[in-house]
C-alpha cells in the first residue's frame, strides 16, 4: 500500500508539472543564439528564463502600457512586435496601438485609413510614413484595422522637432496657437541619466557645437515628452484599454526617455518595457551580462549588417544627411 502511494504521488507530480508547462511555468531553459535575422529569443532577465510569446503576454496581462522597443528596420524586432500585439489582443481585445512612427499632426490621415476612406498609398503619402512602412509597420496597422482598434500617431511633428534641433526651444514660441496646443505641457521635461546616455550615443558622430548639441537634445526631449503625453491621453480616452507602444529602443531602454517621462507625468500608470539586445559575439559571454537592466523583458537578436566599413563614406553620408536638413530655414513653419 505504501509503494502504491509513492507511485501515485510521483504520477501526480508529473501530471502537475505538465499542467504547469501549459500555464507557462516551465523549468528554466538555456538561452540559444538566434539563427536567422527573423528570430528573437525572449528572456525574463529576472531569472534568465526563456519565454514563449504567449507566456510573455500572460506576464503582461495586467500592465496598462506595454512598450516594445526596436532596432529600426530589424526584421526580428518588427516580427516580435506583431506577435506581441496579437498575443495581448487574444487576452484583452480592449487594445490601443500607439506608434512613434507616425507624428501627431498626421492623426487625421491615420484615422482616414482606419475608417477605409483612403487606401494604403494615400496613408503613406498623407501621413508621411517611414520608408520601411510596408516591410515593418504594415502588419501592426493592418491588425489594428482588422479589429477596429485605435492607432495613435504619437510622435511630435517632424518639422517642429527639426527646427527645435536647429534653432533651440524658443522656436515653439513662434508656433500658431493650434500647433502649440497639441504639444505637451512642459515639452522639455527631463529625467536623470538621459542626457549622459544621449551624449554617449552621439560621441564620435557628426561634429557640432555645444549649443547645437543642446538644441538637438531638446528636440529629443520634445519627442519623448510628446509620446508620453499622447500615451496618457490614449489611456484617458480609452479607459480599460491596454496601450501597446512601438518605438526605437533608445526612447525606452532601461526605462529612460519616453518611459521615464511616463513615470514622471503619471507615476500611478503601470508600464512594462520589452527591449531588443544583440546577442553577444563572444561565444563564451553570457547573453544577460550587462543587459539585465535594459528592460523588464529582453529579446535577443542577431546584429544587423554594418552600414559602412569605410569611415570616409560614413562621414560623407552623415554630412549629406545634415546638409539636407539644413536646407529648411524654419521660418515658414512658424507663420
C-alpha atoms as a PDB file:
ATOM      1  CA  UNK A   1       0.000   0.000   0.000  1.00  0.00           C
ATOM      2  CA  UNK A   2       2.864   2.342   0.851  1.00  0.00           C
ATOM      3  CA  UNK A   3       4.509   1.565  -2.510  1.00  0.00           C
ATOM      4  CA  UNK A   4       1.227   2.338  -4.304  1.00  0.00           C
ATOM      5  CA  UNK A   5       1.005   5.696  -2.521  1.00  0.00           C
ATOM      6  CA  UNK A   6       4.551   6.623  -3.596  1.00  0.00           C
ATOM      7  CA  UNK A   7       3.861   5.706  -7.221  1.00  0.00           C
ATOM      8  CA  UNK A   8       0.575   7.621  -7.205  1.00  0.00           C
ATOM      9  CA  UNK A   9       2.239  10.662  -5.648  1.00  0.00           C
ATOM     10  CA  UNK A  10       5.015  10.551  -8.259  1.00  0.00           C
ATOM     11  CA  UNK A  11       2.469  10.388 -11.079  1.00  0.00           C
ATOM     12  CA  UNK A  12       0.600  13.310  -9.541  1.00  0.00           C
ATOM     13  CA  UNK A  13       3.781  15.424  -9.536  1.00  0.00           C
ATOM     14  CA  UNK A  14       4.414  14.571 -13.184  1.00  0.00           C
ATOM     15  CA  UNK A  15       0.841  15.485 -14.074  1.00  0.00           C
ATOM     16  CA  UNK A  16       1.051  18.777 -12.215  1.00  0.00           C
ATOM     17  CA  UNK A  17       4.372  19.553 -13.888  1.00  0.00           C
ATOM     18  CA  UNK A  18       2.722  19.026 -17.250  1.00  0.00           C
ATOM     19  CA  UNK A  19      -0.122  21.375 -16.331  1.00  0.00           C
ATOM     20  CA  UNK A  20       2.384  23.974 -15.148  1.00  0.00           C
ATOM     21  CA  UNK A  21       4.108  23.809 -18.502  1.00  0.00           C
ATOM     22  CA  UNK A  22       0.813  24.506 -20.239  1.00  0.00           C
ATOM     23  CA  UNK A  23       0.360  27.507 -17.970  1.00  0.00           C
ATOM     24  CA  UNK A  24       3.725  28.927 -18.994  1.00  0.00           C
ATOM     25  CA  UNK A  25       5.589  27.893 -15.823  1.00  0.00           C
ATOM     26  CA  UNK A  26       8.342  25.670 -17.113  1.00  0.00           C
ATOM     27  CA  UNK A  27      11.778  24.646 -15.912  1.00  0.00           C
ATOM     28  CA  UNK A  28      14.443  27.149 -16.910  1.00  0.00           C
ATOM     29  CA  UNK A  29      15.653  26.515 -20.447  1.00  0.00           C
ATOM     30  CA  UNK A  30      19.074  27.632 -21.663  1.00  0.00           C
ATOM     31  CA  UNK A  31      19.146  30.621 -23.962  1.00  0.00           C
ATOM     32  CA  UNK A  32      20.089  29.930 -27.551  1.00  0.00           C
ATOM     33  CA  UNK A  33      21.650  32.219 -30.118  1.00  0.00           C
ATOM     34  CA  UNK A  34      19.075  33.287 -32.771  1.00  0.00           C
ATOM     35  CA  UNK A  35      19.835  31.522 -36.034  1.00  0.00           C
ATOM     36  CA  UNK A  36      18.257  33.985 -38.502  1.00  0.00           C
ATOM     37  CA  UNK A  37      17.532  37.708 -38.652  1.00  0.00           C
ATOM     38  CA  UNK A  38      13.854  36.905 -38.158  1.00  0.00           C
ATOM     39  CA  UNK A  39      14.328  35.057 -34.873  1.00  0.00           C
ATOM     40  CA  UNK A  40      14.117  36.603 -31.414  1.00  0.00           C
ATOM     41  CA  UNK A  41      14.882  34.868 -28.133  1.00  0.00           C
ATOM     42  CA  UNK A  42      12.638  36.308 -25.398  1.00  0.00           C
ATOM     43  CA  UNK A  43      14.107  36.147 -21.902  1.00  0.00           C
ATOM     44  CA  UNK A  44      12.946  37.236 -18.469  1.00  0.00           C
ATOM     45  CA  UNK A  45      16.066  38.977 -17.097  1.00  0.00           C
ATOM     46  CA  UNK A  46      14.931  38.432 -13.519  1.00  0.00           C
ATOM     47  CA  UNK A  47      15.785  34.745 -13.734  1.00  0.00           C
ATOM     48  CA  UNK A  48      17.150  34.124 -17.224  1.00  0.00           C
ATOM     49  CA  UNK A  49      14.136  32.039 -18.221  1.00  0.00           C
ATOM     50  CA  UNK A  50      13.192  31.755 -21.882  1.00  0.00           C
ATOM     51  CA  UNK A  51       9.618  32.772 -22.640  1.00  0.00           C
ATOM     52  CA  UNK A  52       7.248  31.981 -25.457  1.00  0.00           C
ATOM     53  CA  UNK A  53       5.245  34.891 -26.851  1.00  0.00           C
ATOM     54  CA  UNK A  54       2.118  33.603 -25.090  1.00  0.00           C
ATOM     55  CA  UNK A  55       3.971  33.261 -21.773  1.00  0.00           C
ATOM     56  CA  UNK A  56       5.293  36.800 -22.185  1.00  0.00           C
ATOM     57  CA  UNK A  57       1.777  38.056 -22.902  1.00  0.00           C
ATOM     58  CA  UNK A  58       0.475  36.421 -19.740  1.00  0.00           C
ATOM     59  CA  UNK A  59       3.102  38.204 -17.687  1.00  0.00           C
ATOM     60  CA  UNK A  60       1.965  41.487 -19.266  1.00  0.00           C
ATOM     61  CA  UNK A  61      -1.754  40.914 -18.792  1.00  0.00           C
ATOM     62  CA  UNK A  62      -2.219  43.473 -16.008  1.00  0.00           C
ATOM     63  CA  UNK A  63       0.086  46.159 -17.411  1.00  0.00           C
ATOM     64  CA  UNK A  64      -1.516  49.342 -18.708  1.00  0.00           C
ATOM     65  CA  UNK A  65       1.248  50.369 -21.133  1.00  0.00           C
ATOM     66  CA  UNK A  66       3.448  47.831 -22.914  1.00  0.00           C
ATOM     67  CA  UNK A  67       6.382  49.490 -24.673  1.00  0.00           C
ATOM     68  CA  UNK A  68       8.024  47.321 -27.327  1.00  0.00           C
ATOM     69  CA  UNK A  69      11.386  48.735 -28.355  1.00  0.00           C
ATOM     70  CA  UNK A  70      13.003  48.102 -31.699  1.00  0.00           C
ATOM     71  CA  UNK A  71      16.159  48.489 -33.691  1.00  0.00           C
ATOM     72  CA  UNK A  72      14.662  50.369 -36.623  1.00  0.00           C
ATOM     73  CA  UNK A  73      14.459  48.082 -39.634  1.00  0.00           C
ATOM     74  CA  UNK A  74      15.409  44.890 -37.795  1.00  0.00           C
ATOM     75  CA  UNK A  75      13.109  42.116 -39.078  1.00  0.00           C
ATOM     76  CA  UNK A  76      13.144  40.175 -35.789  1.00  0.00           C
ATOM     77  CA  UNK A  77      12.067  43.247 -33.824  1.00  0.00           C
ATOM     78  CA  UNK A  78       9.181  44.010 -36.159  1.00  0.00           C
ATOM     79  CA  UNK A  79       8.041  40.392 -36.240  1.00  0.00           C
ATOM     80  CA  UNK A  80       8.088  40.247 -32.443  1.00  0.00           C
ATOM     81  CA  UNK A  81       6.089  43.485 -32.177  1.00  0.00           C
ATOM     82  CA  UNK A  82       3.387  41.962 -34.373  1.00  0.00           C
ATOM     83  CA  UNK A  83       3.369  38.723 -32.372  1.00  0.00           C
ATOM     84  CA  UNK A  84       3.127  40.567 -29.045  1.00  0.00           C
ATOM     85  CA  UNK A  85       0.324  42.772 -30.370  1.00  0.00           C
ATOM     86  CA  UNK A  86      -1.713  39.719 -31.398  1.00  0.00           C
ATOM     87  CA  UNK A  87      -0.986  37.737 -28.213  1.00  0.00           C
ATOM     88  CA  UNK A  88      -2.013  40.629 -25.973  1.00  0.00           C
ATOM     89  CA  UNK A  89      -5.182  41.123 -28.029  1.00  0.00           C
ATOM     90  CA  UNK A  90      -6.144  37.480 -27.514  1.00  0.00           C
ATOM     91  CA  UNK A  91      -6.049  38.131 -23.766  1.00  0.00           C
ATOM     92  CA  UNK A  92      -7.693  41.553 -23.853  1.00  0.00           C
ATOM     93  CA  UNK A  93      -9.332  42.860 -27.037  1.00  0.00           C
ATOM     94  CA  UNK A  94      -9.519  46.328 -25.469  1.00  0.00           C
ATOM     95  CA  UNK A  95      -6.268  47.488 -27.036  1.00  0.00           C
ATOM     96  CA  UNK A  96      -4.796  50.674 -28.488  1.00  0.00           C
ATOM     97  CA  UNK A  97      -1.770  50.780 -30.765  1.00  0.00           C
ATOM     98  CA  UNK A  98       0.478  53.798 -30.191  1.00  0.00           C
ATOM     99  CA  UNK A  99       3.314  54.428 -32.637  1.00  0.00           C
ATOM    100  CA  UNK A 100       6.419  56.588 -32.694  1.00  0.00           C
ATOM    101  CA  UNK A 101       6.384  56.020 -36.448  1.00  0.00           C
ATOM    102  CA  UNK A 102       3.515  58.477 -37.051  1.00  0.00           C
ATOM    103  CA  UNK A 103       3.533  62.123 -35.982  1.00  0.00           C
ATOM    104  CA  UNK A 104       0.563  63.623 -34.150  1.00  0.00           C
ATOM    105  CA  UNK A 105      -0.182  66.099 -36.952  1.00  0.00           C
ATOM    106  CA  UNK A 106      -0.925  63.118 -39.227  1.00  0.00           C
ATOM    107  CA  UNK A 107      -3.582  61.600 -36.923  1.00  0.00           C
ATOM    108  CA  UNK A 108      -6.399  62.528 -39.316  1.00  0.00           C
ATOM    109  CA  UNK A 109      -4.635  60.710 -42.161  1.00  0.00           C
ATOM    110  CA  UNK A 110      -4.187  57.619 -39.975  1.00  0.00           C
ATOM    111  CA  UNK A 111      -7.853  57.734 -38.970  1.00  0.00           C
ATOM    112  CA  UNK A 112      -8.953  58.094 -42.582  1.00  0.00           C
ATOM    113  CA  UNK A 113      -7.144  54.897 -43.474  1.00  0.00           C
ATOM    114  CA  UNK A 114      -8.530  53.024 -40.472  1.00  0.00           C
ATOM    115  CA  UNK A 115     -12.017  54.150 -41.490  1.00  0.00           C
ATOM    116  CA  UNK A 116     -11.473  52.830 -45.031  1.00  0.00           C
ATOM    117  CA  UNK A 117     -11.841  56.233 -46.681  1.00  0.00           C
ATOM    118  CA  UNK A 118      -8.307  56.174 -48.109  1.00  0.00           C
ATOM    119  CA  UNK A 119      -6.005  53.479 -49.443  1.00  0.00           C
ATOM    120  CA  UNK A 120      -2.587  52.422 -48.241  1.00  0.00           C
ATOM    121  CA  UNK A 121      -0.657  54.522 -50.747  1.00  0.00           C
ATOM    122  CA  UNK A 122      -2.687  57.517 -49.622  1.00  0.00           C
ATOM    123  CA  UNK A 123      -1.891  56.729 -45.994  1.00  0.00           C
ATOM    124  CA  UNK A 124       1.812  56.562 -46.785  1.00  0.00           C
ATOM    125  CA  UNK A 125       1.686  59.884 -48.626  1.00  0.00           C
ATOM    126  CA  UNK A 126      -0.685  61.753 -46.312  1.00  0.00           C
ATOM    127  CA  UNK A 127       0.849  60.521 -43.046  1.00  0.00           C
ATOM    128  CA  UNK A 128       4.439  60.828 -44.294  1.00  0.00           C
ATOM    129  CA  UNK A 129       5.039  57.206 -43.339  1.00  0.00           C
ATOM    130  CA  UNK A 130       8.564  55.950 -42.827  1.00  0.00           C
ATOM    131  CA  UNK A 131      10.357  54.460 -45.809  1.00  0.00           C
ATOM    132  CA  UNK A 132      10.129  50.952 -44.335  1.00  0.00           C
ATOM    133  CA  UNK A 133       6.412  51.188 -43.553  1.00  0.00           C
ATOM    134  CA  UNK A 134       5.332  48.366 -45.846  1.00  0.00           C
ATOM    135  CA  UNK A 135       8.014  45.959 -44.639  1.00  0.00           C
ATOM    136  CA  UNK A 136       7.983  46.824 -40.932  1.00  0.00           C
ATOM    137  CA  UNK A 137       4.795  48.535 -39.742  1.00  0.00           C
ATOM    138  CA  UNK A 138       2.108  47.413 -42.178  1.00  0.00           C
ATOM    139  CA  UNK A 139       1.319  44.256 -40.096  1.00  0.00           C
ATOM    140  CA  UNK A 140       0.710  46.329 -36.943  1.00  0.00           C
ATOM    141  CA  UNK A 141      -1.613  48.808 -38.633  1.00  0.00           C
ATOM    142  CA  UNK A 142      -3.455  46.104 -40.572  1.00  0.00           C
ATOM    143  CA  UNK A 143      -4.072  44.127 -37.385  1.00  0.00           C
ATOM    144  CA  UNK A 144      -5.491  47.249 -35.762  1.00  0.00           C
ATOM    145  CA  UNK A 145      -7.629  48.000 -38.801  1.00  0.00           C
ATOM    146  CA  UNK A 146      -8.924  44.425 -38.978  1.00  0.00           C
ATOM    147  CA  UNK A 147     -10.032  44.522 -35.331  1.00  0.00           C
ATOM    148  CA  UNK A 148     -11.213  48.173 -35.285  1.00  0.00           C
ATOM    149  CA  UNK A 149      -8.526  49.220 -32.814  1.00  0.00           C
ATOM    150  CA  UNK A 150      -7.446  52.859 -32.391  1.00  0.00           C
ATOM    151  CA  UNK A 151      -3.986  53.788 -33.671  1.00  0.00           C
ATOM    152  CA  UNK A 152      -2.310  56.776 -32.016  1.00  0.00           C
ATOM    153  CA  UNK A 153       0.113  58.894 -34.014  1.00  0.00           C
ATOM    154  CA  UNK A 154       2.314  59.544 -31.010  1.00  0.00           C
ATOM    155  CA  UNK A 155       5.408  61.421 -32.150  1.00  0.00           C
ATOM    156  CA  UNK A 156       5.947  65.175 -32.268  1.00  0.00           C
ATOM    157  CA  UNK A 157       5.570  66.848 -35.686  1.00  0.00           C
ATOM    158  CA  UNK A 158       8.777  66.307 -37.632  1.00  0.00           C
ATOM    159  CA  UNK A 159       9.202  69.905 -38.770  1.00  0.00           C
ATOM    160  CA  UNK A 160       8.870  71.194 -35.207  1.00  0.00           C
ATOM    161  CA  UNK A 161      11.401  68.669 -33.885  1.00  0.00           C
ATOM    162  CA  UNK A 162      13.775  69.543 -36.698  1.00  0.00           C
ATOM    163  CA  UNK A 163      13.544  73.287 -36.083  1.00  0.00           C
ATOM    164  CA  UNK A 164      13.955  72.961 -32.320  1.00  0.00           C
ATOM    165  CA  UNK A 165      17.106  70.997 -33.069  1.00  0.00           C
ATOM    166  CA  UNK A 166      18.338  73.731 -35.392  1.00  0.00           C
ATOM    167  CA  UNK A 167      17.281  76.907 -33.581  1.00  0.00           C
ATOM    168  CA  UNK A 168      16.521  75.901 -29.991  1.00  0.00           C
ATOM    169  CA  UNK A 169      13.474  75.546 -27.716  1.00  0.00           C
ATOM    170  CA  UNK A 170      12.426  79.168 -28.251  1.00  0.00           C
ATOM    171  CA  UNK A 171      11.201  78.077 -31.670  1.00  0.00           C
ATOM    172  CA  UNK A 172       7.982  76.925 -30.023  1.00  0.00           C
ATOM    173  CA  UNK A 173       7.076  80.493 -29.038  1.00  0.00           C
ATOM    174  CA  UNK A 174       6.557  81.351 -32.710  1.00  0.00           C
ATOM    175  CA  UNK A 175       4.185  78.496 -33.440  1.00  0.00           C
ATOM    176  CA  UNK A 176       0.487  79.081 -34.153  1.00  0.00           C
ATOM    177  CA  UNK A 177      -1.701  78.590 -31.084  1.00  0.00           C
ATOM    178  CA  UNK A 178      -3.300  75.443 -32.527  1.00  0.00           C
ATOM    179  CA  UNK A 179       0.046  73.748 -33.162  1.00  0.00           C
ATOM    180  CA  UNK A 180       1.331  74.737 -29.738  1.00  0.00           C
ATOM    181  CA  UNK A 181      -1.802  73.414 -28.029  1.00  0.00           C
ATOM    182  CA  UNK A 182      -1.208  69.946 -29.495  1.00  0.00           C
ATOM    183  CA  UNK A 183       2.206  69.706 -27.831  1.00  0.00           C
ATOM    184  CA  UNK A 184       2.535  68.569 -24.215  1.00  0.00           C
ATOM    185  CA  UNK A 185       2.792  70.918 -21.295  1.00  0.00           C
ATOM    186  CA  UNK A 186       6.410  71.291 -20.173  1.00  0.00           C
ATOM    187  CA  UNK A 187       7.614  69.851 -23.524  1.00  0.00           C
ATOM    188  CA  UNK A 188      11.282  69.750 -22.488  1.00  0.00           C
ATOM    189  CA  UNK A 189      10.832  67.982 -19.151  1.00  0.00           C
ATOM    190  CA  UNK A 190      13.942  65.929 -18.372  1.00  0.00           C
ATOM    191  CA  UNK A 191      14.852  62.995 -16.159  1.00  0.00           C
ATOM    192  CA  UNK A 192      18.175  61.914 -14.608  1.00  0.00           C
ATOM    193  CA  UNK A 193      20.655  59.942 -16.674  1.00  0.00           C
ATOM    194  CA  UNK A 194      19.135  60.528 -20.105  1.00  0.00           C
ATOM    195  CA  UNK A 195      21.469  63.337 -21.196  1.00  0.00           C
ATOM    196  CA  UNK A 196      24.501  61.233 -20.337  1.00  0.00           C
ATOM    197  CA  UNK A 197      23.196  58.376 -22.470  1.00  0.00           C
ATOM    198  CA  UNK A 198      22.354  60.798 -25.293  1.00  0.00           C
ATOM    199  CA  UNK A 199      25.810  62.396 -25.314  1.00  0.00           C
ATOM    200  CA  UNK A 200      27.485  58.988 -25.256  1.00  0.00           C
ATOM    201  CA  UNK A 201      25.400  57.847 -28.239  1.00  0.00           C
ATOM    202  CA  UNK A 202      26.382  60.912 -30.281  1.00  0.00           C
ATOM    203  CA  UNK A 203      30.057  60.842 -29.295  1.00  0.00           C
ATOM    204  CA  UNK A 204      32.252  60.346 -32.330  1.00  0.00           C
ATOM    205  CA  UNK A 205      29.441  61.223 -34.712  1.00  0.00           C
ATOM    206  CA  UNK A 206      28.947  64.404 -36.743  1.00  0.00           C
ATOM    207  CA  UNK A 207      30.971  67.230 -35.213  1.00  0.00           C
ATOM    208  CA  UNK A 208      28.817  70.022 -33.798  1.00  0.00           C
ATOM    209  CA  UNK A 209      28.931  72.900 -31.350  1.00  0.00           C
ATOM    210  CA  UNK A 210      27.860  72.631 -27.728  1.00  0.00           C
ATOM    211  CA  UNK A 211      24.851  74.864 -28.412  1.00  0.00           C
ATOM    212  CA  UNK A 212      23.734  72.719 -31.332  1.00  0.00           C
ATOM    213  CA  UNK A 213      24.183  69.589 -29.233  1.00  0.00           C
ATOM    214  CA  UNK A 214      21.987  71.105 -26.516  1.00  0.00           C
ATOM    215  CA  UNK A 215      19.321  72.006 -29.083  1.00  0.00           C
ATOM    216  CA  UNK A 216      19.468  68.505 -30.501  1.00  0.00           C
ATOM    217  CA  UNK A 217      18.898  67.100 -27.030  1.00  0.00           C
ATOM    218  CA  UNK A 218      15.932  69.439 -26.538  1.00  0.00           C
ATOM    219  CA  UNK A 219      14.484  68.094 -29.786  1.00  0.00           C
ATOM    220  CA  UNK A 220      14.902  64.571 -28.398  1.00  0.00           C
ATOM    221  CA  UNK A 221      13.091  65.571 -25.210  1.00  0.00           C
ATOM    222  CA  UNK A 222      10.278  67.049 -27.277  1.00  0.00           C
ATOM    223  CA  UNK A 223       9.798  63.688 -28.986  1.00  0.00           C
ATOM    224  CA  UNK A 224       9.817  61.772 -25.706  1.00  0.00           C
ATOM    225  CA  UNK A 225       7.511  64.172 -23.879  1.00  0.00           C
ATOM    226  CA  UNK A 226       5.088  64.167 -26.784  1.00  0.00           C
ATOM    227  CA  UNK A 227       4.965  60.366 -26.926  1.00  0.00           C
ATOM    228  CA  UNK A 228       4.479  60.125 -23.159  1.00  0.00           C
ATOM    229  CA  UNK A 229       1.701  62.692 -23.301  1.00  0.00           C
ATOM    230  CA  UNK A 230      -0.032  61.006 -26.233  1.00  0.00           C
ATOM    231  CA  UNK A 231       0.038  57.649 -24.442  1.00  0.00           C
ATOM    232  CA  UNK A 232      -1.539  59.197 -21.347  1.00  0.00           C
ATOM    233  CA  UNK A 233      -4.184  60.885 -23.500  1.00  0.00           C
ATOM    234  CA  UNK A 234      -4.981  57.485 -25.029  1.00  0.00           C
ATOM    235  CA  UNK A 235      -5.391  55.930 -21.571  1.00  0.00           C
ATOM    236  CA  UNK A 236      -7.839  58.687 -20.687  1.00  0.00           C
ATOM    237  CA  UNK A 237      -9.732  58.459 -23.997  1.00  0.00           C
ATOM    238  CA  UNK A 238      -9.972  54.656 -23.878  1.00  0.00           C
ATOM    239  CA  UNK A 239     -10.446  53.606 -20.239  1.00  0.00           C
ATOM    240  CA  UNK A 240      -9.724  49.970 -19.541  1.00  0.00           C
ATOM    241  CA  UNK A 241      -7.689  49.579 -22.712  1.00  0.00           C
ATOM    242  CA  UNK A 242      -4.124  48.304 -22.834  1.00  0.00           C
ATOM    243  CA  UNK A 243      -1.728  50.501 -24.777  1.00  0.00           C
ATOM    244  CA  UNK A 244       0.884  48.832 -26.991  1.00  0.00           C
ATOM    245  CA  UNK A 245       3.507  51.424 -27.922  1.00  0.00           C
ATOM    246  CA  UNK A 246       6.166  50.777 -30.577  1.00  0.00           C
ATOM    247  CA  UNK A 247       9.326  52.862 -30.526  1.00  0.00           C
ATOM    248  CA  UNK A 248      13.034  52.893 -31.139  1.00  0.00           C
ATOM    249  CA  UNK A 249      14.751  51.281 -28.171  1.00  0.00           C
ATOM    250  CA  UNK A 250      16.679  54.464 -27.339  1.00  0.00           C
ATOM    251  CA  UNK A 251      13.370  56.018 -26.229  1.00  0.00           C
ATOM    252  CA  UNK A 252      12.589  53.211 -23.780  1.00  0.00           C
ATOM    253  CA  UNK A 253      15.655  51.141 -22.883  1.00  0.00           C
ATOM    254  CA  UNK A 254      16.406  50.985 -19.154  1.00  0.00           C
ATOM    255  CA  UNK A 255      13.149  52.892 -18.522  1.00  0.00           C
ATOM    256  CA  UNK A 256      14.690  56.122 -19.830  1.00  0.00           C
ATOM    257  CA  UNK A 257      13.316  58.562 -22.408  1.00  0.00           C
ATOM    258  CA  UNK A 258       9.602  58.221 -23.053  1.00  0.00           C
ATOM    259  CA  UNK A 259       9.197  55.651 -20.277  1.00  0.00           C
ATOM    260  CA  UNK A 260      10.903  57.802 -17.635  1.00  0.00           C
ATOM    261  CA  UNK A 261       8.636  60.687 -18.599  1.00  0.00           C
ATOM    262  CA  UNK A 262       5.571  58.441 -18.364  1.00  0.00           C
ATOM    263  CA  UNK A 263       6.616  57.567 -14.815  1.00  0.00           C
ATOM    264  CA  UNK A 264       7.213  61.240 -14.021  1.00  0.00           C
ATOM    265  CA  UNK A 265       3.948  62.501 -15.526  1.00  0.00           C
ATOM    266  CA  UNK A 266       1.766  59.680 -14.197  1.00  0.00           C
ATOM    267  CA  UNK A 267       3.544  57.543 -11.577  1.00  0.00           C
ATOM    268  CA  UNK A 268       0.367  55.560 -10.960  1.00  0.00           C
ATOM    269  CA  UNK A 269       0.359  54.109 -14.503  1.00  0.00           C
ATOM    270  CA  UNK A 270       1.927  50.661 -14.859  1.00  0.00           C
ATOM    271  CA  UNK A 271       4.470  50.341 -17.656  1.00  0.00           C
ATOM    272  CA  UNK A 272       6.490  47.377 -18.916  1.00  0.00           C
ATOM    273  CA  UNK A 273       9.396  47.647 -21.342  1.00  0.00           C
ATOM    274  CA  UNK A 274      10.434  44.960 -23.825  1.00  0.00           C
ATOM    275  CA  UNK A 275      13.894  45.757 -25.170  1.00  0.00           C
ATOM    276  CA  UNK A 276      15.935  44.284 -28.016  1.00  0.00           C
ATOM    277  CA  UNK A 277      19.514  43.219 -27.321  1.00  0.00           C
ATOM    278  CA  UNK A 278      22.099  41.979 -29.795  1.00  0.00           C
ATOM    279  CA  UNK A 279      23.364  38.532 -28.874  1.00  0.00           C
ATOM    280  CA  UNK A 280      26.993  38.947 -27.753  1.00  0.00           C
ATOM    281  CA  UNK A 281      29.519  37.957 -30.448  1.00  0.00           C
ATOM    282  CA  UNK A 282      31.795  36.270 -27.910  1.00  0.00           C
ATOM    283  CA  UNK A 283      30.883  32.585 -27.801  1.00  0.00           C
ATOM    284  CA  UNK A 284      31.605  32.278 -24.073  1.00  0.00           C
ATOM    285  CA  UNK A 285      29.905  35.505 -22.945  1.00  0.00           C
ATOM    286  CA  UNK A 286      26.582  35.076 -21.100  1.00  0.00           C
ATOM    287  CA  UNK A 287      23.869  36.942 -23.042  1.00  0.00           C
ATOM    288  CA  UNK A 288      22.469  38.612 -19.923  1.00  0.00           C
ATOM    289  CA  UNK A 289      25.826  40.015 -18.834  1.00  0.00           C
ATOM    290  CA  UNK A 290      25.437  43.789 -18.623  1.00  0.00           C
ATOM    291  CA  UNK A 291      21.946  43.655 -20.147  1.00  0.00           C
ATOM    292  CA  UNK A 292      19.598  42.819 -17.273  1.00  0.00           C
ATOM    293  CA  UNK A 293      18.591  46.438 -16.608  1.00  0.00           C
ATOM    294  CA  UNK A 294      17.710  47.246 -20.232  1.00  0.00           C
ATOM    295  CA  UNK A 295      14.090  46.173 -19.925  1.00  0.00           C
ATOM    296  CA  UNK A 296      11.523  44.283 -17.910  1.00  0.00           C
ATOM    297  CA  UNK A 297      11.808  41.662 -20.644  1.00  0.00           C
ATOM    298  CA  UNK A 298      14.502  41.271 -23.291  1.00  0.00           C
ATOM    299  CA  UNK A 299      14.536  39.772 -26.741  1.00  0.00           C
ATOM    300  CA  UNK A 300      17.863  38.779 -28.233  1.00  0.00           C
ATOM    301  CA  UNK A 301      18.505  39.163 -31.945  1.00  0.00           C
ATOM    302  CA  UNK A 302      21.291  38.804 -34.440  1.00  0.00           C
ATOM    303  CA  UNK A 303      23.144  42.025 -35.289  1.00  0.00           C
ATOM    304  CA  UNK A 304      22.230  43.864 -38.467  1.00  0.00           C
ATOM    305  CA  UNK A 305      24.958  44.201 -41.122  1.00  0.00           C
ATOM    306  CA  UNK A 306      27.279  47.181 -40.806  1.00  0.00           C
ATOM    307  CA  UNK A 307      26.126  50.088 -42.980  1.00  0.00           C
ATOM    308  CA  UNK A 308      29.632  51.298 -43.750  1.00  0.00           C
ATOM    309  CA  UNK A 309      33.054  49.758 -43.382  1.00  0.00           C
ATOM    310  CA  UNK A 310      34.641  52.824 -44.932  1.00  0.00           C
ATOM    311  CA  UNK A 311      34.862  55.600 -42.347  1.00  0.00           C
ATOM    312  CA  UNK A 312      35.222  58.158 -45.131  1.00  0.00           C
ATOM    313  CA  UNK A 313      31.993  57.076 -46.802  1.00  0.00           C
ATOM    314  CA  UNK A 314      30.180  57.003 -43.465  1.00  0.00           C
ATOM    315  CA  UNK A 315      31.193  60.600 -42.746  1.00  0.00           C
ATOM    316  CA  UNK A 316      30.112  61.687 -46.222  1.00  0.00           C
ATOM    317  CA  UNK A 317      26.726  60.088 -45.709  1.00  0.00           C
ATOM    318  CA  UNK A 318      26.275  61.792 -42.330  1.00  0.00           C
ATOM    319  CA  UNK A 319      27.338  65.144 -43.762  1.00  0.00           C
ATOM    320  CA  UNK A 320      24.865  64.784 -46.625  1.00  0.00           C
ATOM    321  CA  UNK A 321      22.111  63.981 -44.128  1.00  0.00           C
ATOM    322  CA  UNK A 322      22.835  67.091 -42.081  1.00  0.00           C
ATOM    323  CA  UNK A 323      23.128  69.226 -45.220  1.00  0.00           C
ATOM    324  CA  UNK A 324      19.685  68.097 -46.382  1.00  0.00           C
ATOM    325  CA  UNK A 325      18.179  69.088 -43.030  1.00  0.00           C
ATOM    326  CA  UNK A 326      19.915  72.468 -43.136  1.00  0.00           C
ATOM    327  CA  UNK A 327      18.047  73.436 -46.328  1.00  0.00           C
ATOM    328  CA  UNK A 328      14.982  74.235 -44.226  1.00  0.00           C
ATOM    329  CA  UNK A 329      15.007  77.763 -42.825  1.00  0.00           C
ATOM    330  CA  UNK A 330      12.394  77.031 -40.131  1.00  0.00           C
ATOM    331  CA  UNK A 331      10.911  80.463 -40.780  1.00  0.00           C
ATOM    332  CA  UNK A 332       7.952  79.403 -42.885  1.00  0.00           C
ATOM    333  CA  UNK A 333       6.941  76.791 -40.331  1.00  0.00           C
ATOM    334  CA  UNK A 334       6.262  79.398 -37.664  1.00  0.00           C
ATOM    335  CA  UNK A 335       3.984  81.627 -39.721  1.00  0.00           C
END
